[in-house]
Amino acid sequence: MSAINCSLDLKPLQVMVQARGLEAGGEVQKYIDSEVIRLSDPYVPFDTGMLKHSAISATVIGSGVVVYNTPYARKQYYGNRGVKGLRGPRWFERMKADRREDILRGAAKIA
């Protein structure tokens, strides 16, 4: 029986993660955060526009957390009963059900 000697030279994991933009706050996370805000826009309840615009001003792009920062955001998200077109409660979940694959494909292209 003969033996085969083989060696594999890998870069450190952190170097590989950074090279693909997958680190915390990296290009992939920035893309996902931006796309969640952009694609959620048509789903967010709209009266004066403060709720939907608050995501742009309150979210730190790349943090992995999208923030809607108005006094009534929680009530609109969980308690809003009205749906006008796409706009209504639980906008993130509804957008994700419709557009998840688009976000994943875009993130994969970046990585």
PDB file of N, CA and C in Angstrom:
ATOM      1  N   MET A   1       0.845  -1.169   0.000  1.00  0.00           N
ATOM      2  CA  MET A   1       0.000   0.000   0.000  1.00  0.00           C
ATOM      3  C   MET A   1       0.895   1.237   0.000  1.00  0.00           C
ATOM      4  N   SER A   2       0.589   2.206  -0.860  1.00  0.00           N
ATOM      5  CA  SER A   2       1.427   3.410  -0.920  1.00  0.00           C
ATOM      6  C   SER A   2       0.712   4.577  -0.251  1.00  0.00           C
ATOM      7  N   ALA A   3       1.480   5.463   0.301  1.00  0.00           N
ATOM      8  CA  ALA A   3       0.943   6.637   0.994  1.00  0.00           C
ATOM      9  C   ALA A   3       1.083   7.862   0.108  1.00  0.00           C
ATOM     10  N   ILE A   4       0.158   8.750   0.239  1.00  0.00           N
ATOM     11  CA  ILE A   4       0.209  10.010  -0.501  1.00  0.00           C
ATOM     12  C   ILE A   4       0.386  11.136   0.510  1.00  0.00           C
ATOM     13  N   ASN A   5       1.412  11.918   0.309  1.00  0.00           N
ATOM     14  CA  ASN A   5       1.645  13.069   1.166  1.00  0.00           C
ATOM     15  C   ASN A   5       1.063  14.303   0.484  1.00  0.00           C
ATOM     16  N   CYS A   6       0.336  15.061   1.236  1.00  0.00           N
ATOM     17  CA  CYS A   6      -0.324  16.245   0.683  1.00  0.00           C
ATOM     18  C   CYS A   6      -0.277  17.359   1.726  1.00  0.00           C
ATOM     19  N   SER A   7      -0.076  18.574   1.270  1.00  0.00           N
ATOM     20  CA  SER A   7      -0.130  19.700   2.204  1.00  0.00           C
ATOM     21  C   SER A   7      -1.054  20.768   1.615  1.00  0.00           C
ATOM     22  N   LEU A   8      -1.691  21.471   2.477  1.00  0.00           N
ATOM     23  CA  LEU A   8      -2.639  22.508   2.076  1.00  0.00           C
ATOM     24  C   LEU A   8      -2.269  23.783   2.809  1.00  0.00           C
ATOM     25  N   ASP A   9      -1.998  24.812   2.059  1.00  0.00           N
ATOM     26  CA  ASP A   9      -1.603  26.094   2.655  1.00  0.00           C
ATOM     27  C   ASP A   9      -2.794  27.045   2.593  1.00  0.00           C
ATOM     28  N   LEU A  10      -3.424  27.288   3.729  1.00  0.00           N
ATOM     29  CA  LEU A  10      -4.593  28.164   3.807  1.00  0.00           C
ATOM     30  C   LEU A  10      -4.239  29.468   4.499  1.00  0.00           C
ATOM     31  N   LYS A  11      -4.851  30.518   4.027  1.00  0.00           N
ATOM     32  CA  LYS A  11      -4.714  31.804   4.710  1.00  0.00           C
ATOM     33  C   LYS A  11      -5.530  31.739   5.995  1.00  0.00           C
ATOM     34  N   PRO A  12      -5.191  32.562   6.967  1.00  0.00           N
ATOM     35  CA  PRO A  12      -5.998  32.593   8.195  1.00  0.00           C
ATOM     36  C   PRO A  12      -7.462  32.932   7.871  1.00  0.00           C
ATOM     37  N   LEU A  13      -8.355  32.380   8.649  1.00  0.00           N
ATOM     38  CA  LEU A  13      -9.793  32.559   8.422  1.00  0.00           C
ATOM     39  C   LEU A  13     -10.174  34.033   8.319  1.00  0.00           C
ATOM     40  N   GLN A  14      -9.663  34.870   9.200  1.00  0.00           N
ATOM     41  CA  GLN A  14     -10.018  36.291   9.191  1.00  0.00           C
ATOM     42  C   GLN A  14      -9.616  36.960   7.875  1.00  0.00           C
ATOM     43  N   VAL A  15      -8.490  36.561   7.323  1.00  0.00           N
ATOM     44  CA  VAL A  15      -8.035  37.112   6.041  1.00  0.00           C
ATOM     45  C   VAL A  15      -8.994  36.695   4.929  1.00  0.00           C
ATOM     46  N   MET A  16      -9.421  35.445   4.927  1.00  0.00           N
ATOM     47  CA  MET A  16     -10.360  34.964   3.907  1.00  0.00           C
ATOM     48  C   MET A  16     -11.721  35.643   4.046  1.00  0.00           C
ATOM     49  N   VAL A  17     -12.169  35.831   5.276  1.00  0.00           N
ATOM     50  CA  VAL A  17     -13.452  36.495   5.528  1.00  0.00           C
ATOM     51  C   VAL A  17     -13.400  37.937   5.024  1.00  0.00           C
ATOM     52  N   GLN A  18     -12.341  38.654   5.345  1.00  0.00           N
ATOM     53  CA  GLN A  18     -12.204  40.042   4.904  1.00  0.00           C
ATOM     54  C   GLN A  18     -12.090  40.144   3.388  1.00  0.00           C
ATOM     55  N   ALA A  19     -11.399  39.222   2.768  1.00  0.00           N
ATOM     56  CA  ALA A  19     -11.224  39.255   1.311  1.00  0.00           C
ATOM     57  C   ALA A  19     -12.556  39.117   0.592  1.00  0.00           C
ATOM     58  N   ARG A  20     -13.524  38.485   1.224  1.00  0.00           N
ATOM     59  CA  ARG A  20     -14.851  38.305   0.635  1.00  0.00           C
ATOM     60  C   ARG A  20     -15.859  39.349   1.116  1.00  0.00           C
ATOM     61  N   GLY A  21     -15.430  40.263   1.980  1.00  0.00           N
ATOM     62  CA  GLY A  21     -16.338  41.293   2.484  1.00  0.00           C
ATOM     63  C   GLY A  21     -17.345  40.773   3.483  1.00  0.00           C
ATOM     64  N   LEU A  22     -17.017  39.663   4.140  1.00  0.00           N
ATOM     65  CA  LEU A  22     -17.969  39.017   5.044  1.00  0.00           C
ATOM     66  C   LEU A  22     -17.774  39.373   6.515  1.00  0.00           C
ATOM     67  N   GLU A  23     -16.815  40.225   6.817  1.00  0.00           N
ATOM     68  CA  GLU A  23     -16.597  40.587   8.217  1.00  0.00           C
ATOM     69  C   GLU A  23     -17.732  41.491   8.702  1.00  0.00           C
ATOM     70  N   ALA A  24     -17.854  41.615  10.017  1.00  0.00           N
ATOM     71  CA  ALA A  24     -18.868  42.501  10.598  1.00  0.00           C
ATOM     72  C   ALA A  24     -18.651  43.909  10.057  1.00  0.00           C
ATOM     73  N   GLY A  25     -19.701  44.499   9.522  1.00  0.00           N
ATOM     74  CA  GLY A  25     -19.596  45.833   8.947  1.00  0.00           C
ATOM     75  C   GLY A  25     -18.978  45.853   7.564  1.00  0.00           C
ATOM     76  N   GLY A  26     -18.778  44.678   6.987  1.00  0.00           N
ATOM     77  CA  GLY A  26     -18.143  44.571   5.678  1.00  0.00           C
ATOM     78  C   GLY A  26     -19.086  44.896   4.533  1.00  0.00           C
ATOM     79  N   GLU A  27     -18.570  44.778   3.326  1.00  0.00           N
ATOM     80  CA  GLU A  27     -19.318  45.147   2.132  1.00  0.00           C
ATOM     81  C   GLU A  27     -20.605  44.340   1.970  1.00  0.00           C
ATOM     82  N   VAL A  28     -20.575  43.072   2.316  1.00  0.00           N
ATOM     83  CA  VAL A  28     -21.785  42.249   2.177  1.00  0.00           C
ATOM     84  C   VAL A  28     -22.859  42.728   3.147  1.00  0.00           C
ATOM     85  N   GLN A  29     -22.486  42.990   4.399  1.00  0.00           N
ATOM     86  CA  GLN A  29     -23.476  43.464   5.371  1.00  0.00           C
ATOM     87  C   GLN A  29     -24.007  44.839   4.990  1.00  0.00           C
ATOM     88  N   LYS A  30     -23.149  45.705   4.489  1.00  0.00           N
ATOM     89  CA  LYS A  30     -23.603  47.022   4.040  1.00  0.00           C
ATOM     90  C   LYS A  30     -24.612  46.887   2.909  1.00  0.00           C
ATOM     91  N   TYR A  31     -24.341  45.984   1.986  1.00  0.00           N
ATOM     92  CA  TYR A  31     -25.267  45.743   0.882  1.00  0.00           C
ATOM     93  C   TYR A  31     -26.612  45.244   1.412  1.00  0.00           C
ATOM     94  N   ILE A  32     -26.571  44.258   2.308  1.00  0.00           N
ATOM     95  CA  ILE A  32     -27.817  43.694   2.841  1.00  0.00           C
ATOM     96  C   ILE A  32     -28.617  44.765   3.566  1.00  0.00           C
ATOM     97  N   ASP A  33     -27.983  45.545   4.427  1.00  0.00           N
ATOM     98  CA  ASP A  33     -28.694  46.602   5.156  1.00  0.00           C
ATOM     99  C   ASP A  33     -29.336  47.593   4.190  1.00  0.00           C
ATOM    100  N   SER A  34     -28.583  48.023   3.198  1.00  0.00           N
ATOM    101  CA  SER A  34     -29.099  48.991   2.227  1.00  0.00           C
ATOM    102  C   SER A  34     -30.255  48.415   1.422  1.00  0.00           C
ATOM    103  N   GLU A  35     -30.125  47.165   1.023  1.00  0.00           N
ATOM    104  CA  GLU A  35     -31.192  46.535   0.243  1.00  0.00           C
ATOM    105  C   GLU A  35     -32.449  46.312   1.086  1.00  0.00           C
ATOM    106  N   VAL A  36     -32.287  45.967   2.347  1.00  0.00           N
ATOM    107  CA  VAL A  36     -33.458  45.796   3.218  1.00  0.00           C
ATOM    108  C   VAL A  36     -34.220  47.113   3.310  1.00  0.00           C
ATOM    109  N   ILE A  37     -33.521  48.210   3.493  1.00  0.00           N
ATOM    110  CA  ILE A  37     -34.190  49.514   3.564  1.00  0.00           C
ATOM    111  C   ILE A  37     -34.852  49.832   2.223  1.00  0.00           C
ATOM    112  N   ARG A  38     -34.106  49.677   1.150  1.00  0.00           N
ATOM    113  CA  ARG A  38     -34.632  50.029  -0.179  1.00  0.00           C
ATOM    114  C   ARG A  38     -35.827  49.164  -0.570  1.00  0.00           C
ATOM    115  N   LEU A  39     -35.713  47.860  -0.375  1.00  0.00           N
ATOM    116  CA  LEU A  39     -36.782  46.958  -0.789  1.00  0.00           C
ATOM    117  C   LEU A  39     -37.969  46.969   0.165  1.00  0.00           C
ATOM    118  N   SER A  40     -37.757  47.379   1.423  1.00  0.00           N
ATOM    119  CA  SER A  40     -38.864  47.490   2.374  1.00  0.00           C
ATOM    120  C   SER A  40     -39.690  48.744   2.145  1.00  0.00           C
ATOM    121  N   ASP A  41     -39.111  49.726   1.492  1.00  0.00           N
ATOM    122  CA  ASP A  41     -39.763  51.022   1.320  1.00  0.00           C
ATOM    123  C   ASP A  41     -41.213  50.928   0.849  1.00  0.00           C
ATOM    124  N   PRO A  42     -41.538  50.137  -0.182  1.00  0.00           N
ATOM    125  CA  PRO A  42     -42.929  50.080  -0.634  1.00  0.00           C
ATOM    126  C   PRO A  42     -43.871  49.374   0.337  1.00  0.00           C
ATOM    127  N   TYR A  43     -43.338  48.719   1.356  1.00  0.00           N
ATOM    128  CA  TYR A  43     -44.139  47.969   2.323  1.00  0.00           C
ATOM    129  C   TYR A  43     -44.424  48.767   3.596  1.00  0.00           C
ATOM    130  N   VAL A  44     -43.644  49.820   3.840  1.00  0.00           N
ATOM    131  CA  VAL A  44     -43.747  50.595   5.077  1.00  0.00           C
ATOM    132  C   VAL A  44     -44.981  51.490   5.015  1.00  0.00           C
ATOM    133  N   PRO A  45     -45.817  51.485   6.084  1.00  0.00           N
ATOM    134  CA  PRO A  45     -46.981  52.375   6.097  1.00  0.00           C
ATOM    135  C   PRO A  45     -46.547  53.817   5.849  1.00  0.00           C
ATOM    136  N   PHE A  46     -47.364  54.553   5.125  1.00  0.00           N
ATOM    137  CA  PHE A  46     -46.986  55.905   4.719  1.00  0.00           C
ATOM    138  C   PHE A  46     -48.124  56.873   4.995  1.00  0.00           C
ATOM    139  N   ASP A  47     -47.802  57.902   5.780  1.00  0.00           N
ATOM    140  CA  ASP A  47     -48.728  59.019   5.981  1.00  0.00           C
ATOM    141  C   ASP A  47     -47.959  60.288   5.649  1.00  0.00           C
ATOM    142  N   THR A  48     -47.007  60.640   6.513  1.00  0.00           N
ATOM    143  CA  THR A  48     -46.189  61.830   6.259  1.00  0.00           C
ATOM    144  C   THR A  48     -44.830  61.473   5.661  1.00  0.00           C
ATOM    145  N   GLY A  49     -44.456  60.211   5.742  1.00  0.00           N
ATOM    146  CA  GLY A  49     -43.152  59.768   5.245  1.00  0.00           C
ATOM    147  C   GLY A  49     -42.096  59.681   6.322  1.00  0.00           C
ATOM    148  N   MET A  50     -42.405  60.148   7.539  1.00  0.00           N
ATOM    149  CA  MET A  50     -41.396  60.116   8.615  1.00  0.00           C
ATOM    150  C   MET A  50     -40.960  58.704   8.959  1.00  0.00           C
ATOM    151  N   LEU A  51     -41.907  57.767   8.995  1.00  0.00           N
ATOM    152  CA  LEU A  51     -41.567  56.393   9.363  1.00  0.00           C
ATOM    153  C   LEU A  51     -40.585  55.791   8.364  1.00  0.00           C
ATOM    154  N   LYS A  52     -40.898  55.860   7.084  1.00  0.00           N
ATOM    155  CA  LYS A  52     -40.002  55.235   6.104  1.00  0.00           C
ATOM    156  C   LYS A  52     -38.665  55.950   6.010  1.00  0.00           C
ATOM    157  N   HIS A  53     -38.637  57.264   6.152  1.00  0.00           N
ATOM    158  CA  HIS A  53     -37.384  58.012   6.090  1.00  0.00           C
ATOM    159  C   HIS A  53     -36.537  57.821   7.347  1.00  0.00           C
ATOM    160  N   SER A  54     -37.168  57.438   8.454  1.00  0.00           N
ATOM    161  CA  SER A  54     -36.407  57.251   9.693  1.00  0.00           C
ATOM    162  C   SER A  54     -35.420  56.089   9.571  1.00  0.00           C
ATOM    163  N   ALA A  55     -35.714  55.116   8.717  1.00  0.00           N
ATOM    164  CA  ALA A  55     -34.783  53.996   8.543  1.00  0.00           C
ATOM    165  C   ALA A  55     -33.466  54.470   7.957  1.00  0.00           C
ATOM    166  N   ILE A  56     -33.519  55.445   7.077  1.00  0.00           N
ATOM    167  CA  ILE A  56     -32.303  55.958   6.448  1.00  0.00           C
ATOM    168  C   ILE A  56     -31.456  56.724   7.465  1.00  0.00           C
ATOM    169  N   SER A  57     -32.101  57.534   8.276  1.00  0.00           N
ATOM    170  CA  SER A  57     -31.349  58.369   9.221  1.00  0.00           C
ATOM    171  C   SER A  57     -30.940  57.627  10.493  1.00  0.00           C
ATOM    172  N   ALA A  58     -31.703  56.606  10.904  1.00  0.00           N
ATOM    173  CA  ALA A  58     -31.432  55.940  12.182  1.00  0.00           C
ATOM    174  C   ALA A  58     -30.597  54.671  12.058  1.00  0.00           C
ATOM    175  N   THR A  59     -30.447  54.142  10.858  1.00  0.00           N
ATOM    176  CA  THR A  59     -29.722  52.888  10.677  1.00  0.00           C
ATOM    177  C   THR A  59     -28.252  53.162  10.391  1.00  0.00           C
ATOM    178  N   VAL A  60     -27.394  52.421  11.063  1.00  0.00           N
ATOM    179  CA  VAL A  60     -25.965  52.446  10.753  1.00  0.00           C
ATOM    180  C   VAL A  60     -25.749  51.340   9.725  1.00  0.00           C
ATOM    181  N   ILE A  61     -25.529  51.736   8.474  1.00  0.00           N
ATOM    182  CA  ILE A  61     -25.372  50.768   7.397  1.00  0.00           C
ATOM    183  C   ILE A  61     -24.126  49.922   7.662  1.00  0.00           C
ATOM    184  N   GLY A  62     -24.326  48.621   7.692  1.00  0.00           N
ATOM    185  CA  GLY A  62     -23.247  47.688   7.984  1.00  0.00           C
ATOM    186  C   GLY A  62     -23.345  47.084   9.374  1.00  0.00           C
ATOM    187  N   SER A  63     -24.269  47.602  10.179  1.00  0.00           N
ATOM    188  CA  SER A  63     -24.416  47.094  11.546  1.00  0.00           C
ATOM    189  C   SER A  63     -25.212  45.797  11.602  1.00  0.00           C
ATOM    190  N   GLY A  64     -26.007  45.537  10.568  1.00  0.00           N
ATOM    191  CA  GLY A  64     -26.857  44.352  10.582  1.00  0.00           C
ATOM    192  C   GLY A  64     -28.184  44.580  11.268  1.00  0.00           C
ATOM    193  N   VAL A  65     -28.455  45.827  11.660  1.00  0.00           N
ATOM    194  CA  VAL A  65     -29.709  46.173  12.329  1.00  0.00           C
ATOM    195  C   VAL A  65     -30.314  47.372  11.619  1.00  0.00           C
ATOM    196  N   VAL A  66     -31.518  47.199  11.091  1.00  0.00           N
ATOM    197  CA  VAL A  66     -32.231  48.303  10.457  1.00  0.00           C
ATOM    198  C   VAL A  66     -33.194  48.866  11.496  1.00  0.00           C
ATOM    199  N   VAL A  67     -33.117  50.180  11.713  1.00  0.00           N
ATOM    200  CA  VAL A  67     -33.893  50.835  12.768  1.00  0.00           C
ATOM    201  C   VAL A  67     -34.896  51.803  12.144  1.00  0.00           C
ATOM    202  N   TYR A  68     -36.146  51.664  12.527  1.00  0.00           N
ATOM    203  CA  TYR A  68     -37.181  52.643  12.198  1.00  0.00           C
ATOM    204  C   TYR A  68     -37.427  53.403  13.492  1.00  0.00           C
ATOM    205  N   ASN A  69     -37.020  54.668  13.527  1.00  0.00           N
ATOM    206  CA  ASN A  69     -36.977  55.418  14.775  1.00  0.00           C
ATOM    207  C   ASN A  69     -38.006  56.535  14.788  1.00  0.00           C
ATOM    208  N   THR A  70     -39.247  56.160  15.060  1.00  0.00           N
ATOM    209  CA  THR A  70     -40.300  57.135  15.313  1.00  0.00           C
ATOM    210  C   THR A  70     -41.058  56.650  16.541  1.00  0.00           C
ATOM    211  N   PRO A  71     -41.762  57.549  17.228  1.00  0.00           N
ATOM    212  CA  PRO A  71     -42.490  57.126  18.423  1.00  0.00           C
ATOM    213  C   PRO A  71     -43.556  56.066  18.139  1.00  0.00           C
ATOM    214  N   TYR A  72     -44.023  55.997  16.914  1.00  0.00           N
ATOM    215  CA  TYR A  72     -45.118  55.086  16.567  1.00  0.00           C
ATOM    216  C   TYR A  72     -44.664  53.899  15.715  1.00  0.00           C
ATOM    217  N   ALA A  73     -43.374  53.724  15.523  1.00  0.00           N
ATOM    218  CA  ALA A  73     -42.871  52.653  14.650  1.00  0.00           C
ATOM    219  C   ALA A  73     -43.321  51.279  15.137  1.00  0.00           C
ATOM    220  N   ARG A  74     -43.169  51.007  16.424  1.00  0.00           N
ATOM    221  CA  ARG A  74     -43.561  49.690  16.961  1.00  0.00           C
ATOM    222  C   ARG A  74     -45.047  49.440  16.763  1.00  0.00           C
ATOM    223  N   LYS A  75     -45.863  50.438  17.052  1.00  0.00           N
ATOM    224  CA  LYS A  75     -47.316  50.278  16.899  1.00  0.00           C
ATOM    225  C   LYS A  75     -47.672  50.007  15.432  1.00  0.00           C
ATOM    226  N   GLN A  76     -47.024  50.710  14.528  1.00  0.00           N
ATOM    227  CA  GLN A  76     -47.287  50.490  13.111  1.00  0.00           C
ATOM    228  C   GLN A  76     -46.820  49.100  12.669  1.00  0.00           C
ATOM    229  N   TYR A  77     -45.690  48.666  13.199  1.00  0.00           N
ATOM    230  CA  TYR A  77     -45.137  47.386  12.788  1.00  0.00           C
ATOM    231  C   TYR A  77     -45.992  46.213  13.265  1.00  0.00           C
ATOM    232  N   TYR A  78     -46.384  46.245  14.549  1.00  0.00           N
ATOM    233  CA  TYR A  78     -47.100  45.115  15.121  1.00  0.00           C
ATOM    234  C   TYR A  78     -48.607  45.294  15.158  1.00  0.00           C
ATOM    235  N   GLY A  79     -49.088  46.547  15.172  1.00  0.00           N
ATOM    236  CA  GLY A  79     -50.508  46.754  15.402  1.00  0.00           C
ATOM    237  C   GLY A  79     -51.290  47.312  14.235  1.00  0.00           C
ATOM    238  N   ASN A  80     -50.624  47.801  13.228  1.00  0.00           N
ATOM    239  CA  ASN A  80     -51.319  48.381  12.080  1.00  0.00           C
ATOM    240  C   ASN A  80     -52.157  47.302  11.415  1.00  0.00           C
ATOM    241  N   ARG A  81     -53.447  47.547  11.297  1.00  0.00           N
ATOM    242  CA  ARG A  81     -54.337  46.548  10.709  1.00  0.00           C
ATOM    243  C   ARG A  81     -54.604  46.821   9.228  1.00  0.00           C
ATOM    244  N   GLY A  82     -54.379  48.047   8.824  1.00  0.00           N
ATOM    245  CA  GLY A  82     -54.692  48.402   7.449  1.00  0.00           C
ATOM    246  C   GLY A  82     -53.548  48.101   6.499  1.00  0.00           C
ATOM    247  N   VAL A  83     -53.891  47.611   5.326  1.00  0.00           N
ATOM    248  CA  VAL A  83     -52.909  47.386   4.278  1.00  0.00           C
ATOM    249  C   VAL A  83     -53.401  48.117   3.041  1.00  0.00           C
ATOM    250  N   LYS A  84     -52.569  49.031   2.544  1.00  0.00           N
ATOM    251  CA  LYS A  84     -52.886  49.756   1.324  1.00  0.00           C
ATOM    252  C   LYS A  84     -51.857  49.351   0.285  1.00  0.00           C
ATOM    253  N   GLY A  85     -52.272  48.555  -0.676  1.00  0.00           N
ATOM    254  CA  GLY A  85     -51.306  48.008  -1.617  1.00  0.00           C
ATOM    255  C   GLY A  85     -50.370  47.080  -0.868  1.00  0.00           C
ATOM    256  N   LEU A  86     -49.095  47.363  -0.909  1.00  0.00           N
ATOM    257  CA  LEU A  86     -48.122  46.577  -0.142  1.00  0.00           C
ATOM    258  C   LEU A  86     -47.923  47.124   1.261  1.00  0.00           C
ATOM    259  N   ARG A  87     -48.281  48.366   1.497  1.00  0.00           N
ATOM    260  CA  ARG A  87     -47.998  49.040   2.761  1.00  0.00           C
ATOM    261  C   ARG A  87     -48.872  48.492   3.885  1.00  0.00           C
ATOM    262  N   GLY A  88     -48.215  48.182   5.020  1.00  0.00           N
ATOM    263  CA  GLY A  88     -48.953  47.671   6.160  1.00  0.00           C
ATOM    264  C   GLY A  88     -48.023  47.122   7.216  1.00  0.00           C
ATOM    265  N   PRO A  89     -48.573  46.357   8.165  1.00  0.00           N
ATOM    266  CA  PRO A  89     -47.786  45.849   9.289  1.00  0.00           C
ATOM    267  C   PRO A  89     -46.765  44.799   8.861  1.00  0.00           C
ATOM    268  N   ARG A  90     -45.804  44.571   9.731  1.00  0.00           N
ATOM    269  CA  ARG A  90     -44.768  43.545   9.550  1.00  0.00           C
ATOM    270  C   ARG A  90     -44.143  43.627   8.161  1.00  0.00           C
ATOM    271  N   TRP A  91     -43.772  44.861   7.802  1.00  0.00           N
ATOM    272  CA  TRP A  91     -43.265  45.102   6.455  1.00  0.00           C
ATOM    273  C   TRP A  91     -41.987  44.342   6.139  1.00  0.00           C
ATOM    274  N   PHE A  92     -41.124  44.153   7.129  1.00  0.00           N
ATOM    275  CA  PHE A  92     -39.880  43.425   6.854  1.00  0.00           C
ATOM    276  C   PHE A  92     -40.168  41.970   6.478  1.00  0.00           C
ATOM    277  N   GLU A  93     -41.007  41.290   7.249  1.00  0.00           N
ATOM    278  CA  GLU A  93     -41.310  39.892   6.956  1.00  0.00           C
ATOM    279  C   GLU A  93     -41.973  39.739   5.593  1.00  0.00           C
ATOM    280  N   ARG A  94     -42.880  40.652   5.258  1.00  0.00           N
ATOM    281  CA  ARG A  94     -43.563  40.561   3.965  1.00  0.00           C
ATOM    282  C   ARG A  94     -42.600  40.848   2.809  1.00  0.00           C
ATOM    283  N   MET A  95     -41.721  41.852   2.987  1.00  0.00           N
ATOM    284  CA  MET A  95     -40.719  42.132   1.957  1.00  0.00           C
ATOM    285  C   MET A  95     -39.789  40.937   1.797  1.00  0.00           C
ATOM    286  N   LYS A  96     -39.362  40.372   2.920  1.00  0.00           N
ATOM    287  CA  LYS A  96     -38.432  39.246   2.881  1.00  0.00           C
ATOM    288  C   LYS A  96     -39.061  38.052   2.167  1.00  0.00           C
ATOM    289  N   ALA A  97     -40.332  37.805   2.386  1.00  0.00           N
ATOM    290  CA  ALA A  97     -41.004  36.703   1.704  1.00  0.00           C
ATOM    291  C   ALA A  97     -41.003  36.915   0.190  1.00  0.00           C
ATOM    292  N   ASP A  98     -41.100  38.165  -0.227  1.00  0.00           N
ATOM    293  CA  ASP A  98     -41.140  38.484  -1.659  1.00  0.00           C
ATOM    294  C   ASP A  98     -39.758  38.626  -2.289  1.00  0.00           C
ATOM    295  N   ARG A  99     -38.783  39.145  -1.548  1.00  0.00           N
ATOM    296  CA  ARG A  99     -37.513  39.562  -2.168  1.00  0.00           C
ATOM    297  C   ARG A  99     -36.263  38.928  -1.581  1.00  0.00           C
ATOM    298  N   ARG A 100     -36.399  37.951  -0.720  1.00  0.00           N
ATOM    299  CA  ARG A 100     -35.251  37.317  -0.048  1.00  0.00           C
ATOM    300  C   ARG A 100     -34.211  36.818  -1.037  1.00  0.00           C
ATOM    301  N   GLU A 101     -34.657  36.135  -2.064  1.00  0.00           N
ATOM    302  CA  GLU A 101     -33.723  35.558  -3.037  1.00  0.00           C
ATOM    303  C   GLU A 101     -32.946  36.648  -3.776  1.00  0.00           C
ATOM    304  N   ASP A 102     -33.583  37.783  -4.049  1.00  0.00           N
ATOM    305  CA  ASP A 102     -32.883  38.893  -4.704  1.00  0.00           C
ATOM    306  C   ASP A 102     -31.736  39.400  -3.828  1.00  0.00           C
ATOM    307  N   ILE A 103     -31.998  39.526  -2.535  1.00  0.00           N
ATOM    308  CA  ILE A 103     -30.971  39.994  -1.600  1.00  0.00           C
ATOM    309  C   ILE A 103     -29.828  38.977  -1.521  1.00  0.00           C
ATOM    310  N   LEU A 104     -30.172  37.704  -1.415  1.00  0.00           N
ATOM    311  CA  LEU A 104     -29.142  36.668  -1.325  1.00  0.00           C
ATOM    312  C   LEU A 104     -28.285  36.599  -2.586  1.00  0.00           C
ATOM    313  N   ARG A 105     -28.906  36.730  -3.744  1.00  0.00           N
ATOM    314  CA  ARG A 105     -28.136  36.709  -5.002  1.00  0.00           C
ATOM    315  C   ARG A 105     -27.167  37.890  -5.060  1.00  0.00           C
ATOM    316  N   GLY A 106     -27.636  39.072  -4.662  1.00  0.00           N
ATOM    317  CA  GLY A 106     -26.765  40.245  -4.660  1.00  0.00           C
ATOM    318  C   GLY A 106     -25.620  40.110  -3.687  1.00  0.00           C
ATOM    319  N   ALA A 107     -25.902  39.575  -2.512  1.00  0.00           N
ATOM    320  CA  ALA A 107     -24.843  39.377  -1.509  1.00  0.00           C
ATOM    321  C   ALA A 107     -23.823  38.360  -2.006  1.00  0.00           C
ATOM    322  N   ALA A 108     -24.287  37.326  -2.669  1.00  0.00           N
ATOM    323  CA  ALA A 108     -23.382  36.292  -3.203  1.00  0.00           C
ATOM    324  C   ALA A 108     -22.467  36.876  -4.276  1.00  0.00           C
ATOM    325  N   LYS A 109     -22.992  37.769  -5.090  1.00  0.00           N
ATOM    326  CA  LYS A 109     -22.168  38.389  -6.129  1.00  0.00           C
ATOM    327  C   LYS A 109     -21.036  39.208  -5.506  1.00  0.00           C
ATOM    328  N   ILE A 110     -21.336  39.890  -4.417  1.00  0.00           N
ATOM    329  CA  ILE A 110     -20.317  40.699  -3.742  1.00  0.00           C
ATOM    330  C   ILE A 110     -19.259  39.804  -3.098  1.00  0.00           C
ATOM    331  N   ALA A 111     -19.732  38.728  -2.449  1.00  0.00           N
ATOM    332  CA  ALA A 111     -18.801  37.821  -1.766  1.00  0.00           C
ATOM    333  C   ALA A 111     -18.004  37.016  -2.771  1.00  0.00           C
TER     334      ALA A 111
END
